[in-house]
């Protein structure tokens, strides 16, 4: 997920228009639009302002681990990825169903905490 898409996600979650967000963080709605649609890369100053306003960790915008996880979850059902893949391996060992269920439970709990942290109700 690109930075602009993440910005739009945060903004829409708070039910803010681009104009309302712009007024809150002192940036024009046009600037916010250009960032959201990928026409412009956000500056570090802009990202810092957004991070403080939405109270999200810096990693929300820069951590590729979250990006990969979001993409996998969107493209496939998490249960199909983990539970129904009988030959899922970790460090050369095929994981048992119990181990795969533990992993799924851990991921679900981690995502719940993450979404709660960024105020997204999933």
PDB file of N, CA and C in Angstrom:
ATOM      1  N   UNK A   1       0.857  -1.170   0.000  1.00  0.00           N
ATOM      2  CA  UNK A   1       0.000   0.000   0.000  1.00  0.00           C
ATOM      3  C   UNK A   1       0.907   1.238   0.000  1.00  0.00           C
ATOM      4  N   UNK A   2       0.626   2.160  -0.892  1.00  0.00           N
ATOM      5  CA  UNK A   2       1.441   3.369  -1.008  1.00  0.00           C
ATOM      6  C   UNK A   2       1.080   4.376   0.078  1.00  0.00           C
ATOM      7  N   UNK A   3       1.991   5.315   0.281  1.00  0.00           N
ATOM      8  CA  UNK A   3       1.793   6.316   1.339  1.00  0.00           C
ATOM      9  C   UNK A   3       0.494   7.092   1.148  1.00  0.00           C
ATOM     10  N   UNK A   4       0.189   7.464  -0.084  1.00  0.00           N
ATOM     11  CA  UNK A   4      -1.041   8.201  -0.357  1.00  0.00           C
ATOM     12  C   UNK A   4      -2.288   7.395  -0.032  1.00  0.00           C
ATOM     13  N   UNK A   5      -2.238   6.107  -0.334  1.00  0.00           N
ATOM     14  CA  UNK A   5      -3.373   5.235  -0.011  1.00  0.00           C
ATOM     15  C   UNK A   5      -3.545   5.126   1.500  1.00  0.00           C
ATOM     16  N   UNK A   6      -2.427   5.074   2.204  1.00  0.00           N
ATOM     17  CA  UNK A   6      -2.486   5.003   3.667  1.00  0.00           C
ATOM     18  C   UNK A   6      -3.046   6.301   4.247  1.00  0.00           C
ATOM     19  N   UNK A   7      -2.647   7.422   3.655  1.00  0.00           N
ATOM     20  CA  UNK A   7      -3.183   8.714   4.091  1.00  0.00           C
ATOM     21  C   UNK A   7      -4.699   8.745   3.895  1.00  0.00           C
ATOM     22  N   UNK A   8      -5.156   8.327   2.709  1.00  0.00           N
ATOM     23  CA  UNK A   8      -6.595   8.306   2.443  1.00  0.00           C
ATOM     24  C   UNK A   8      -7.323   7.396   3.435  1.00  0.00           C
ATOM     25  N   UNK A   9      -6.738   6.237   3.737  1.00  0.00           N
ATOM     26  CA  UNK A   9      -7.326   5.310   4.701  1.00  0.00           C
ATOM     27  C   UNK A   9      -7.504   5.976   6.064  1.00  0.00           C
ATOM     28  N   UNK A  10      -6.471   6.663   6.533  1.00  0.00           N
ATOM     29  CA  UNK A  10      -6.552   7.357   7.821  1.00  0.00           C
ATOM     30  C   UNK A  10      -7.605   8.462   7.787  1.00  0.00           C
ATOM     31  N   UNK A  11      -7.576   9.242   6.715  1.00  0.00           N
ATOM     32  CA  UNK A  11      -8.511  10.368   6.590  1.00  0.00           C
ATOM     33  C   UNK A  11      -9.955   9.882   6.555  1.00  0.00           C
ATOM     34  N   UNK A  12     -10.215   8.873   5.737  1.00  0.00           N
ATOM     35  CA  UNK A  12     -11.586   8.369   5.614  1.00  0.00           C
ATOM     36  C   UNK A  12     -12.051   7.692   6.899  1.00  0.00           C
ATOM     37  N   UNK A  13     -11.124   7.049   7.608  1.00  0.00           N
ATOM     38  CA  UNK A  13     -11.484   6.416   8.872  1.00  0.00           C
ATOM     39  C   UNK A  13     -11.979   7.443   9.886  1.00  0.00           C
ATOM     40  N   UNK A  14     -11.407   8.640   9.830  1.00  0.00           N
ATOM     41  CA  UNK A  14     -11.833   9.730  10.723  1.00  0.00           C
ATOM     42  C   UNK A  14     -12.999  10.528  10.135  1.00  0.00           C
ATOM     43  N   UNK A  15     -13.464  10.073   8.959  1.00  0.00           N
ATOM     44  CA  UNK A  15     -14.584  10.729   8.272  1.00  0.00           C
ATOM     45  C   UNK A  15     -14.294  12.206   7.989  1.00  0.00           C
ATOM     46  N   UNK A  16     -13.067  12.462   7.546  1.00  0.00           N
ATOM     47  CA  UNK A  16     -12.653  13.820   7.217  1.00  0.00           C
ATOM     48  C   UNK A  16     -12.614  14.002   5.706  1.00  0.00           C
ATOM     49  N   UNK A  17     -13.029  15.162   5.254  1.00  0.00           N
ATOM     50  CA  UNK A  17     -12.822  15.521   3.856  1.00  0.00           C
ATOM     51  C   UNK A  17     -11.372  15.973   3.722  1.00  0.00           C
ATOM     52  N   UNK A  18     -10.912  16.103   2.488  1.00  0.00           N
ATOM     53  CA  UNK A  18      -9.554  16.621   2.281  1.00  0.00           C
ATOM     54  C   UNK A  18      -9.455  18.052   2.813  1.00  0.00           C
ATOM     55  N   UNK A  19     -10.520  18.806   2.621  1.00  0.00           N
ATOM     56  CA  UNK A  19     -10.532  20.193   3.105  1.00  0.00           C
ATOM     57  C   UNK A  19     -10.445  20.242   4.631  1.00  0.00           C
ATOM     58  N   UNK A  20     -11.219  19.402   5.307  1.00  0.00           N
ATOM     59  CA  UNK A  20     -11.200  19.388   6.777  1.00  0.00           C
ATOM     60  C   UNK A  20      -9.830  18.965   7.294  1.00  0.00           C
ATOM     61  N   UNK A  21      -9.250  17.940   6.682  1.00  0.00           N
ATOM     62  CA  UNK A  21      -7.910  17.516   7.103  1.00  0.00           C
ATOM     63  C   UNK A  21      -6.902  18.624   6.840  1.00  0.00           C
ATOM     64  N   UNK A  22      -7.008  19.240   5.669  1.00  0.00           N
ATOM     65  CA  UNK A  22      -6.104  20.336   5.335  1.00  0.00           C
ATOM     66  C   UNK A  22      -6.152  21.459   6.355  1.00  0.00           C
ATOM     67  N   UNK A  23      -7.347  21.799   6.804  1.00  0.00           N
ATOM     68  CA  UNK A  23      -7.496  22.838   7.830  1.00  0.00           C
ATOM     69  C   UNK A  23      -6.848  22.419   9.142  1.00  0.00           C
ATOM     70  N   UNK A  24      -6.961  21.147   9.477  1.00  0.00           N
ATOM     71  CA  UNK A  24      -6.392  20.636  10.732  1.00  0.00           C
ATOM     72  C   UNK A  24      -4.866  20.624  10.719  1.00  0.00           C
ATOM     73  N   UNK A  25      -4.274  20.295   9.558  1.00  0.00           N
ATOM     74  CA  UNK A  25      -2.812  20.127   9.517  1.00  0.00           C
ATOM     75  C   UNK A  25      -2.103  21.231   8.730  1.00  0.00           C
ATOM     76  N   UNK A  26      -2.863  22.237   8.284  1.00  0.00           N
ATOM     77  CA  UNK A  26      -2.308  23.389   7.562  1.00  0.00           C
ATOM     78  C   UNK A  26      -1.669  23.024   6.221  1.00  0.00           C
ATOM     79  N   UNK A  27      -2.360  22.181   5.471  1.00  0.00           N
ATOM     80  CA  UNK A  27      -1.968  21.858   4.098  1.00  0.00           C
ATOM     81  C   UNK A  27      -3.213  21.996   3.233  1.00  0.00           C
ATOM     82  N   UNK A  28      -3.003  22.319   1.965  1.00  0.00           N
ATOM     83  CA  UNK A  28      -4.151  22.515   1.080  1.00  0.00           C
ATOM     84  C   UNK A  28      -4.802  21.178   0.717  1.00  0.00           C
ATOM     85  N   UNK A  29      -6.107  21.219   0.464  1.00  0.00           N
ATOM     86  CA  UNK A  29      -6.796  20.007   0.012  1.00  0.00           C
ATOM     87  C   UNK A  29      -6.212  19.480  -1.305  1.00  0.00           C
ATOM     88  N   UNK A  30      -5.726  20.401  -2.145  1.00  0.00           N
ATOM     89  CA  UNK A  30      -5.124  20.002  -3.415  1.00  0.00           C
ATOM     90  C   UNK A  30      -3.847  19.192  -3.181  1.00  0.00           C
ATOM     91  N   UNK A  31      -3.042  19.613  -2.202  1.00  0.00           N
ATOM     92  CA  UNK A  31      -1.819  18.892  -1.861  1.00  0.00           C
ATOM     93  C   UNK A  31      -2.167  17.491  -1.351  1.00  0.00           C
ATOM     94  N   UNK A  32      -3.159  17.419  -0.484  1.00  0.00           N
ATOM     95  CA  UNK A  32      -3.588  16.135   0.069  1.00  0.00           C
ATOM     96  C   UNK A  32      -4.083  15.229  -1.057  1.00  0.00           C
ATOM     97  N   UNK A  33      -4.860  15.783  -1.982  1.00  0.00           N
ATOM     98  CA  UNK A  33      -5.355  15.018  -3.125  1.00  0.00           C
ATOM     99  C   UNK A  33      -4.191  14.449  -3.934  1.00  0.00           C
ATOM    100  N   UNK A  34      -3.224  15.299  -4.277  1.00  0.00           N
ATOM    101  CA  UNK A  34      -2.090  14.858  -5.094  1.00  0.00           C
ATOM    102  C   UNK A  34      -1.307  13.737  -4.417  1.00  0.00           C
ATOM    103  N   UNK A  35      -1.176  13.812  -3.110  1.00  0.00           N
ATOM    104  CA  UNK A  35      -0.476  12.755  -2.371  1.00  0.00           C
ATOM    105  C   UNK A  35      -1.311  11.479  -2.368  1.00  0.00           C
ATOM    106  N   UNK A  36      -2.598  11.611  -2.114  1.00  0.00           N
ATOM    107  CA  UNK A  36      -3.469  10.436  -2.054  1.00  0.00           C
ATOM    108  C   UNK A  36      -3.531   9.677  -3.377  1.00  0.00           C
ATOM    109  N   UNK A  37      -3.533  10.382  -4.483  1.00  0.00           N
ATOM    110  CA  UNK A  37      -3.635   9.711  -5.791  1.00  0.00           C
ATOM    111  C   UNK A  37      -2.272   9.382  -6.390  1.00  0.00           C
ATOM    112  N   UNK A  38      -1.202   9.713  -5.683  1.00  0.00           N
ATOM    113  CA  UNK A  38       0.136   9.346  -6.128  1.00  0.00           C
ATOM    114  C   UNK A  38       0.782  10.303  -7.105  1.00  0.00           C
ATOM    115  N   UNK A  39       0.206  11.486  -7.287  1.00  0.00           N
ATOM    116  CA  UNK A  39       0.811  12.484  -8.172  1.00  0.00           C
ATOM    117  C   UNK A  39       2.028  13.133  -7.531  1.00  0.00           C
ATOM    118  N   UNK A  40       2.077  13.117  -6.206  1.00  0.00           N
ATOM    119  CA  UNK A  40       3.162  13.766  -5.465  1.00  0.00           C
ATOM    120  C   UNK A  40       3.546  12.891  -4.284  1.00  0.00           C
ATOM    121  N   UNK A  41       4.846  12.780  -4.050  1.00  0.00           N
ATOM    122  CA  UNK A  41       5.346  12.070  -2.868  1.00  0.00           C
ATOM    123  C   UNK A  41       5.289  13.021  -1.673  1.00  0.00           C
ATOM    124  N   UNK A  42       4.820  12.552  -0.535  1.00  0.00           N
ATOM    125  CA  UNK A  42       4.769  13.429   0.642  1.00  0.00           C
ATOM    126  C   UNK A  42       6.172  13.726   1.162  1.00  0.00           C
ATOM    127  N   UNK A  43       6.366  14.949   1.606  1.00  0.00           N
ATOM    128  CA  UNK A  43       7.648  15.322   2.210  1.00  0.00           C
ATOM    129  C   UNK A  43       7.729  14.719   3.610  1.00  0.00           C
ATOM    130  N   UNK A  44       8.922  14.683   4.158  1.00  0.00           N
ATOM    131  CA  UNK A  44       9.083  14.185   5.527  1.00  0.00           C
ATOM    132  C   UNK A  44       8.333  15.076   6.513  1.00  0.00           C
ATOM    133  N   UNK A  45       8.340  16.380   6.244  1.00  0.00           N
ATOM    134  CA  UNK A  45       7.615  17.310   7.110  1.00  0.00           C
ATOM    135  C   UNK A  45       6.113  17.000   7.090  1.00  0.00           C
ATOM    136  N   UNK A  46       5.580  16.753   5.898  1.00  0.00           N
ATOM    137  CA  UNK A  46       4.163  16.418   5.769  1.00  0.00           C
ATOM    138  C   UNK A  46       3.856  15.122   6.516  1.00  0.00           C
ATOM    139  N   UNK A  47       4.673  14.079   6.287  1.00  0.00           N
ATOM    140  CA  UNK A  47       4.444  12.798   6.962  1.00  0.00           C
ATOM    141  C   UNK A  47       4.504  12.949   8.473  1.00  0.00           C
ATOM    142  N   UNK A  48       5.460  13.728   8.955  1.00  0.00           N
ATOM    143  CA  UNK A  48       5.578  13.947  10.396  1.00  0.00           C
ATOM    144  C   UNK A  48       4.315  14.608  10.951  1.00  0.00           C
ATOM    145  N   UNK A  49       3.790  15.577  10.221  1.00  0.00           N
ATOM    146  CA  UNK A  49       2.561  16.253  10.638  1.00  0.00           C
ATOM    147  C   UNK A  49       1.389  15.268  10.691  1.00  0.00           C
ATOM    148  N   UNK A  50       1.271  14.442   9.664  1.00  0.00           N
ATOM    149  CA  UNK A  50       0.180  13.460   9.590  1.00  0.00           C
ATOM    150  C   UNK A  50       0.312  12.416  10.697  1.00  0.00           C
ATOM    151  N   UNK A  51       1.527  11.949  10.929  1.00  0.00           N
ATOM    152  CA  UNK A  51       1.787  10.952  11.979  1.00  0.00           C
ATOM    153  C   UNK A  51       1.363  11.497  13.340  1.00  0.00           C
ATOM    154  N   UNK A  52       1.707  12.737  13.606  1.00  0.00           N
ATOM    155  CA  UNK A  52       1.323  13.348  14.886  1.00  0.00           C
ATOM    156  C   UNK A  52      -0.186  13.544  14.970  1.00  0.00           C
ATOM    157  N   UNK A  53      -0.785  14.004  13.887  1.00  0.00           N
ATOM    158  CA  UNK A  53      -2.225  14.276  13.901  1.00  0.00           C
ATOM    159  C   UNK A  53      -3.031  12.994  14.127  1.00  0.00           C
ATOM    160  N   UNK A  54      -2.698  11.942  13.384  1.00  0.00           N
ATOM    161  CA  UNK A  54      -3.463  10.694  13.490  1.00  0.00           C
ATOM    162  C   UNK A  54      -2.944   9.763  14.593  1.00  0.00           C
ATOM    163  N   UNK A  55      -1.839  10.156  15.218  1.00  0.00           N
ATOM    164  CA  UNK A  55      -1.242   9.369  16.300  1.00  0.00           C
ATOM    165  C   UNK A  55      -0.961   7.930  15.866  1.00  0.00           C
ATOM    166  N   UNK A  56      -0.270   7.801  14.734  1.00  0.00           N
ATOM    167  CA  UNK A  56       0.139   6.488  14.243  1.00  0.00           C
ATOM    168  C   UNK A  56       1.656   6.385  14.331  1.00  0.00           C
ATOM    169  N   UNK A  57       2.180   5.168  14.398  1.00  0.00           N
ATOM    170  CA  UNK A  57       3.632   5.020  14.437  1.00  0.00           C
ATOM    171  C   UNK A  57       4.239   5.351  13.075  1.00  0.00           C
ATOM    172  N   UNK A  58       5.472   5.782  13.078  1.00  0.00           N
ATOM    173  CA  UNK A  58       6.191   6.074  11.838  1.00  0.00           C
ATOM    174  C   UNK A  58       6.151   4.857  10.920  1.00  0.00           C
ATOM    175  N   UNK A  59       6.224   3.676  11.511  1.00  0.00           N
ATOM    176  CA  UNK A  59       6.238   2.446  10.720  1.00  0.00           C
ATOM    177  C   UNK A  59       4.984   2.283   9.865  1.00  0.00           C
ATOM    178  N   UNK A  60       3.902   2.962  10.225  1.00  0.00           N
ATOM    179  CA  UNK A  60       2.683   2.871   9.421  1.00  0.00           C
ATOM    180  C   UNK A  60       2.953   3.301   7.985  1.00  0.00           C
ATOM    181  N   UNK A  61       3.804   4.294   7.805  1.00  0.00           N
ATOM    182  CA  UNK A  61       4.091   4.786   6.462  1.00  0.00           C
ATOM    183  C   UNK A  61       5.326   4.163   5.828  1.00  0.00           C
ATOM    184  N   UNK A  62       6.205   3.569   6.622  1.00  0.00           N
ATOM    185  CA  UNK A  62       7.450   3.089   6.024  1.00  0.00           C
ATOM    186  C   UNK A  62       7.700   1.596   6.161  1.00  0.00           C
ATOM    187  N   UNK A  63       6.936   0.903   6.950  1.00  0.00           N
ATOM    188  CA  UNK A  63       7.215  -0.503   7.202  1.00  0.00           C
ATOM    189  C   UNK A  63       6.600  -1.389   6.127  1.00  0.00           C
ATOM    190  N   UNK A  64       7.450  -2.028   5.326  1.00  0.00           N
ATOM    191  CA  UNK A  64       6.970  -2.875   4.240  1.00  0.00           C
ATOM    192  C   UNK A  64       6.342  -4.168   4.736  1.00  0.00           C
ATOM    193  N   UNK A  65       6.633  -4.551   5.966  1.00  0.00           N
ATOM    194  CA  UNK A  65       6.013  -5.756   6.513  1.00  0.00           C
ATOM    195  C   UNK A  65       4.502  -5.583   6.536  1.00  0.00           C
ATOM    196  N   UNK A  66       4.024  -4.418   6.991  1.00  0.00           N
ATOM    197  CA  UNK A  66       2.592  -4.164   7.006  1.00  0.00           C
ATOM    198  C   UNK A  66       2.040  -4.149   5.584  1.00  0.00           C
ATOM    199  N   UNK A  67       2.793  -3.565   4.644  1.00  0.00           N
ATOM    200  CA  UNK A  67       2.343  -3.532   3.257  1.00  0.00           C
ATOM    201  C   UNK A  67       2.119  -4.938   2.721  1.00  0.00           C
ATOM    202  N   UNK A  68       3.095  -5.811   2.922  1.00  0.00           N
ATOM    203  CA  UNK A  68       2.984  -7.179   2.424  1.00  0.00           C
ATOM    204  C   UNK A  68       1.813  -7.895   3.074  1.00  0.00           C
ATOM    205  N   UNK A  69       1.635  -7.695   4.359  1.00  0.00           N
ATOM    206  CA  UNK A  69       0.547  -8.345   5.074  1.00  0.00           C
ATOM    207  C   UNK A  69      -0.801  -7.860   4.551  1.00  0.00           C
ATOM    208  N   UNK A  70      -0.960  -6.545   4.358  1.00  0.00           N
ATOM    209  CA  UNK A  70      -2.206  -6.012   3.823  1.00  0.00           C
ATOM    210  C   UNK A  70      -2.481  -6.591   2.435  1.00  0.00           C
ATOM    211  N   UNK A  71      -1.457  -6.657   1.588  1.00  0.00           N
ATOM    212  CA  UNK A  71      -1.642  -7.181   0.238  1.00  0.00           C
ATOM    213  C   UNK A  71      -2.051  -8.643   0.260  1.00  0.00           C
ATOM    214  N   UNK A  72      -1.417  -9.454   1.095  1.00  0.00           N
ATOM    215  CA  UNK A  72      -1.769 -10.869   1.186  1.00  0.00           C
ATOM    216  C   UNK A  72      -3.194 -11.052   1.667  1.00  0.00           C
ATOM    217  N   UNK A  73      -3.585 -10.280   2.655  1.00  0.00           N
ATOM    218  CA  UNK A  73      -4.925 -10.426   3.215  1.00  0.00           C
ATOM    219  C   UNK A  73      -5.971  -9.987   2.200  1.00  0.00           C
ATOM    220  N   UNK A  74      -5.661  -8.972   1.420  1.00  0.00           N
ATOM    221  CA  UNK A  74      -6.614  -8.533   0.410  1.00  0.00           C
ATOM    222  C   UNK A  74      -6.748  -9.559  -0.707  1.00  0.00           C
ATOM    223  N   UNK A  75      -5.626 -10.174  -1.090  1.00  0.00           N
ATOM    224  CA  UNK A  75      -5.666 -11.050  -2.250  1.00  0.00           C
ATOM    225  C   UNK A  75      -6.142 -12.459  -1.925  1.00  0.00           C
ATOM    226  N   UNK A  76      -6.003 -12.883  -0.704  1.00  0.00           N
ATOM    227  CA  UNK A  76      -6.394 -14.247  -0.324  1.00  0.00           C
ATOM    228  C   UNK A  76      -6.992 -14.233   1.064  1.00  0.00           C
ATOM    229  N   UNK A  77      -7.789 -15.226   1.317  1.00  0.00           N
ATOM    230  CA  UNK A  77      -8.332 -15.379   2.655  1.00  0.00           C
ATOM    231  C   UNK A  77      -7.232 -15.905   3.567  1.00  0.00           C
ATOM    232  N   UNK A  78      -7.043 -15.258   4.703  1.00  0.00           N
ATOM    233  CA  UNK A  78      -5.964 -15.614   5.624  1.00  0.00           C
ATOM    234  C   UNK A  78      -6.017 -17.081   6.032  1.00  0.00           C
ATOM    235  N   UNK A  79      -7.197 -17.579   6.256  1.00  0.00           N
ATOM    236  CA  UNK A  79      -7.313 -18.981   6.670  1.00  0.00           C
ATOM    237  C   UNK A  79      -6.815 -19.917   5.570  1.00  0.00           C
ATOM    238  N   UNK A  80      -7.131 -19.598   4.313  1.00  0.00           N
ATOM    239  CA  UNK A  80      -6.641 -20.424   3.208  1.00  0.00           C
ATOM    240  C   UNK A  80      -5.124 -20.388   3.117  1.00  0.00           C
ATOM    241  N   UNK A  81      -4.551 -19.233   3.399  1.00  0.00           N
ATOM    242  CA  UNK A  81      -3.103 -19.102   3.320  1.00  0.00           C
ATOM    243  C   UNK A  81      -2.418 -19.973   4.364  1.00  0.00           C
ATOM    244  N   UNK A  82      -2.951 -20.000   5.559  1.00  0.00           N
ATOM    245  CA  UNK A  82      -2.254 -20.656   6.671  1.00  0.00           C
ATOM    246  C   UNK A  82      -2.825 -22.021   7.034  1.00  0.00           C
ATOM    247  N   UNK A  83      -4.084 -22.093   7.314  1.00  0.00           N
ATOM    248  CA  UNK A  83      -4.667 -23.336   7.831  1.00  0.00           C
ATOM    249  C   UNK A  83      -4.743 -24.428   6.772  1.00  0.00           C
ATOM    250  N   UNK A  84      -5.227 -24.099   5.600  1.00  0.00           N
ATOM    251  CA  UNK A  84      -5.476 -25.122   4.588  1.00  0.00           C
ATOM    252  C   UNK A  84      -4.259 -25.478   3.748  1.00  0.00           C
ATOM    253  N   UNK A  85      -3.137 -24.867   4.026  1.00  0.00           N
ATOM    254  CA  UNK A  85      -1.907 -25.198   3.304  1.00  0.00           C
ATOM    255  C   UNK A  85      -1.154 -26.248   4.115  1.00  0.00           C
ATOM    256  N   UNK A  86      -1.389 -27.494   3.794  1.00  0.00           N
ATOM    257  CA  UNK A  86      -0.856 -28.611   4.583  1.00  0.00           C
ATOM    258  C   UNK A  86       0.665 -28.699   4.533  1.00  0.00           C
ATOM    259  N   UNK A  87       1.273 -28.138   3.497  1.00  0.00           N
ATOM    260  CA  UNK A  87       2.729 -28.244   3.381  1.00  0.00           C
ATOM    261  C   UNK A  87       3.453 -26.949   3.768  1.00  0.00           C
ATOM    262  N   UNK A  88       2.827 -26.146   4.609  1.00  0.00           N
ATOM    263  CA  UNK A  88       3.441 -24.906   5.069  1.00  0.00           C
ATOM    264  C   UNK A  88       4.664 -25.229   5.918  1.00  0.00           C
ATOM    265  N   UNK A  89       5.797 -24.635   5.555  1.00  0.00           N
ATOM    266  CA  UNK A  89       7.057 -24.924   6.249  1.00  0.00           C
ATOM    267  C   UNK A  89       7.578 -23.703   6.982  1.00  0.00           C
ATOM    268  N   UNK A  90       8.327 -23.977   8.020  1.00  0.00           N
ATOM    269  CA  UNK A  90       9.071 -22.946   8.735  1.00  0.00           C
ATOM    270  C   UNK A  90      10.421 -23.547   9.086  1.00  0.00           C
ATOM    271  N   UNK A  91      11.473 -22.907   8.596  1.00  0.00           N
ATOM    272  CA  UNK A  91      12.843 -23.371   8.824  1.00  0.00           C
ATOM    273  C   UNK A  91      13.018 -24.845   8.446  1.00  0.00           C
ATOM    274  N   UNK A  92      12.437 -25.198   7.315  1.00  0.00           N
ATOM    275  CA  UNK A  92      12.609 -26.543   6.785  1.00  0.00           C
ATOM    276  C   UNK A  92      11.722 -27.612   7.390  1.00  0.00           C
ATOM    277  N   UNK A  93      10.852 -27.249   8.325  1.00  0.00           N
ATOM    278  CA  UNK A  93       9.975 -28.222   8.983  1.00  0.00           C
ATOM    279  C   UNK A  93       8.530 -27.937   8.576  1.00  0.00           C
ATOM    280  N   UNK A  94       7.823 -28.975   8.153  1.00  0.00           N
ATOM    281  CA  UNK A  94       6.405 -28.813   7.833  1.00  0.00           C
ATOM    282  C   UNK A  94       5.643 -28.621   9.137  1.00  0.00           C
ATOM    283  N   UNK A  95       4.824 -27.571   9.160  1.00  0.00           N
ATOM    284  CA  UNK A  95       4.086 -27.232  10.377  1.00  0.00           C
ATOM    285  C   UNK A  95       2.832 -28.091  10.521  1.00  0.00           C
ATOM    286  N   UNK A  96       2.565 -28.493  11.747  1.00  0.00           N
ATOM    287  CA  UNK A  96       1.349 -29.261  12.036  1.00  0.00           C
ATOM    288  C   UNK A  96       0.140 -28.330  11.966  1.00  0.00           C
ATOM    289  N   UNK A  97      -1.044 -28.913  11.907  1.00  0.00           N
ATOM    290  CA  UNK A  97      -2.271 -28.113  11.903  1.00  0.00           C
ATOM    291  C   UNK A  97      -2.338 -27.253  13.160  1.00  0.00           C
ATOM    292  N   UNK A  98      -1.959 -27.811  14.300  1.00  0.00           N
ATOM    293  CA  UNK A  98      -1.974 -27.064  15.559  1.00  0.00           C
ATOM    294  C   UNK A  98      -1.039 -25.857  15.482  1.00  0.00           C
ATOM    295  N   UNK A  99       0.131 -26.042  14.909  1.00  0.00           N
ATOM    296  CA  UNK A  99       1.079 -24.928  14.764  1.00  0.00           C
ATOM    297  C   UNK A  99       0.516 -23.872  13.814  1.00  0.00           C
ATOM    298  N   UNK A 100      -0.104 -24.308  12.717  1.00  0.00           N
ATOM    299  CA  UNK A 100      -0.695 -23.357  11.766  1.00  0.00           C
ATOM    300  C   UNK A 100      -1.845 -22.585  12.407  1.00  0.00           C
ATOM    301  N   UNK A 101      -2.653 -23.250  13.230  1.00  0.00           N
ATOM    302  CA  UNK A 101      -3.742 -22.566  13.935  1.00  0.00           C
ATOM    303  C   UNK A 101      -3.192 -21.544  14.930  1.00  0.00           C
ATOM    304  N   UNK A 102      -2.095 -21.892  15.595  1.00  0.00           N
ATOM    305  CA  UNK A 102      -1.456 -20.960  16.527  1.00  0.00           C
ATOM    306  C   UNK A 102      -0.962 -19.723  15.772  1.00  0.00           C
ATOM    307  N   UNK A 103      -0.362 -19.943  14.611  1.00  0.00           N
ATOM    308  CA  UNK A 103       0.137 -18.828  13.797  1.00  0.00           C
ATOM    309  C   UNK A 103      -1.025 -17.941  13.358  1.00  0.00           C
ATOM    310  N   UNK A 104      -2.103 -18.544  12.882  1.00  0.00           N
ATOM    311  CA  UNK A 104      -3.272 -17.773  12.458  1.00  0.00           C
ATOM    312  C   UNK A 104      -3.827 -16.952  13.614  1.00  0.00           C
ATOM    313  N   UNK A 105      -3.948 -17.565  14.770  1.00  0.00           N
ATOM    314  CA  UNK A 105      -4.442 -16.861  15.953  1.00  0.00           C
ATOM    315  C   UNK A 105      -3.523 -15.692  16.315  1.00  0.00           C
ATOM    316  N   UNK A 106      -2.218 -15.916  16.246  1.00  0.00           N
ATOM    317  CA  UNK A 106      -1.247 -14.860  16.558  1.00  0.00           C
ATOM    318  C   UNK A 106      -1.360 -13.695  15.578  1.00  0.00           C
ATOM    319  N   UNK A 107      -1.501 -14.012  14.303  1.00  0.00           N
ATOM    320  CA  UNK A 107      -1.635 -12.961  13.292  1.00  0.00           C
ATOM    321  C   UNK A 107      -2.925 -12.175  13.514  1.00  0.00           C
ATOM    322  N   UNK A 108      -4.014 -12.881  13.757  1.00  0.00           N
ATOM    323  CA  UNK A 108      -5.292 -12.192  14.000  1.00  0.00           C
ATOM    324  C   UNK A 108      -5.208 -11.265  15.200  1.00  0.00           C
ATOM    325  N   UNK A 109      -4.591 -11.726  16.281  1.00  0.00           N
ATOM    326  CA  UNK A 109      -4.449 -10.881  17.471  1.00  0.00           C
ATOM    327  C   UNK A 109      -3.556  -9.680  17.185  1.00  0.00           C
ATOM    328  N   UNK A 110      -2.475  -9.904  16.446  1.00  0.00           N
ATOM    329  CA  UNK A 110      -1.573  -8.803  16.097  1.00  0.00           C
ATOM    330  C   UNK A 110      -2.286  -7.772  15.235  1.00  0.00           C
ATOM    331  N   UNK A 111      -3.058  -8.243  14.259  1.00  0.00           N
ATOM    332  CA  UNK A 111      -3.798  -7.316  13.405  1.00  0.00           C
ATOM    333  C   UNK A 111      -4.839  -6.534  14.195  1.00  0.00           C
ATOM    334  N   UNK A 112      -5.520  -7.190  15.118  1.00  0.00           N
ATOM    335  CA  UNK A 112      -6.493  -6.491  15.956  1.00  0.00           C
ATOM    336  C   UNK A 112      -5.825  -5.368  16.737  1.00  0.00           C
ATOM    337  N   UNK A 113      -4.661  -5.650  17.307  1.00  0.00           N
ATOM    338  CA  UNK A 113      -3.929  -4.619  18.052  1.00  0.00           C
ATOM    339  C   UNK A 113      -3.487  -3.495  17.129  1.00  0.00           C
ATOM    340  N   UNK A 114      -3.009  -3.867  15.951  1.00  0.00           N
ATOM    341  CA  UNK A 114      -2.547  -2.871  14.998  1.00  0.00           C
ATOM    342  C   UNK A 114      -3.709  -1.974  14.563  1.00  0.00           C
ATOM    343  N   UNK A 115      -4.831  -2.588  14.164  1.00  0.00           N
ATOM    344  CA  UNK A 115      -5.985  -1.803  13.740  1.00  0.00           C
ATOM    345  C   UNK A 115      -6.488  -0.918  14.869  1.00  0.00           C
ATOM    346  N   UNK A 116      -6.485  -1.445  16.072  1.00  0.00           N
ATOM    347  CA  UNK A 116      -6.916  -0.652  17.225  1.00  0.00           C
ATOM    348  C   UNK A 116      -5.989   0.547  17.400  1.00  0.00           C
ATOM    349  N   UNK A 117      -4.704   0.314  17.190  1.00  0.00           N
ATOM    350  CA  UNK A 117      -3.727   1.383  17.350  1.00  0.00           C
ATOM    351  C   UNK A 117      -3.960   2.500  16.338  1.00  0.00           C
ATOM    352  N   UNK A 118      -4.315   2.132  15.124  1.00  0.00           N
ATOM    353  CA  UNK A 118      -4.527   3.175  14.113  1.00  0.00           C
ATOM    354  C   UNK A 118      -6.001   3.538  13.980  1.00  0.00           C
ATOM    355  N   UNK A 119      -6.790   3.072  14.937  1.00  0.00           N
ATOM    356  CA  UNK A 119      -8.217   3.425  15.001  1.00  0.00           C
ATOM    357  C   UNK A 119      -9.017   2.973  13.790  1.00  0.00           C
ATOM    358  N   UNK A 120      -8.716   1.777  13.302  1.00  0.00           N
ATOM    359  CA  UNK A 120      -9.487   1.208  12.207  1.00  0.00           C
ATOM    360  C   UNK A 120     -10.278   0.049  12.776  1.00  0.00           C
ATOM    361  N   UNK A 121     -11.568   0.087  12.620  1.00  0.00           N
ATOM    362  CA  UNK A 121     -12.404  -1.002  13.129  1.00  0.00           C
ATOM    363  C   UNK A 121     -12.564  -2.059  12.058  1.00  0.00           C
ATOM    364  N   UNK A 122     -11.938  -3.180  12.282  1.00  0.00           N
ATOM    365  CA  UNK A 122     -12.027  -4.300  11.330  1.00  0.00           C
ATOM    366  C   UNK A 122     -12.767  -5.429  11.964  1.00  0.00           C
TER     367      UNK A 122
END
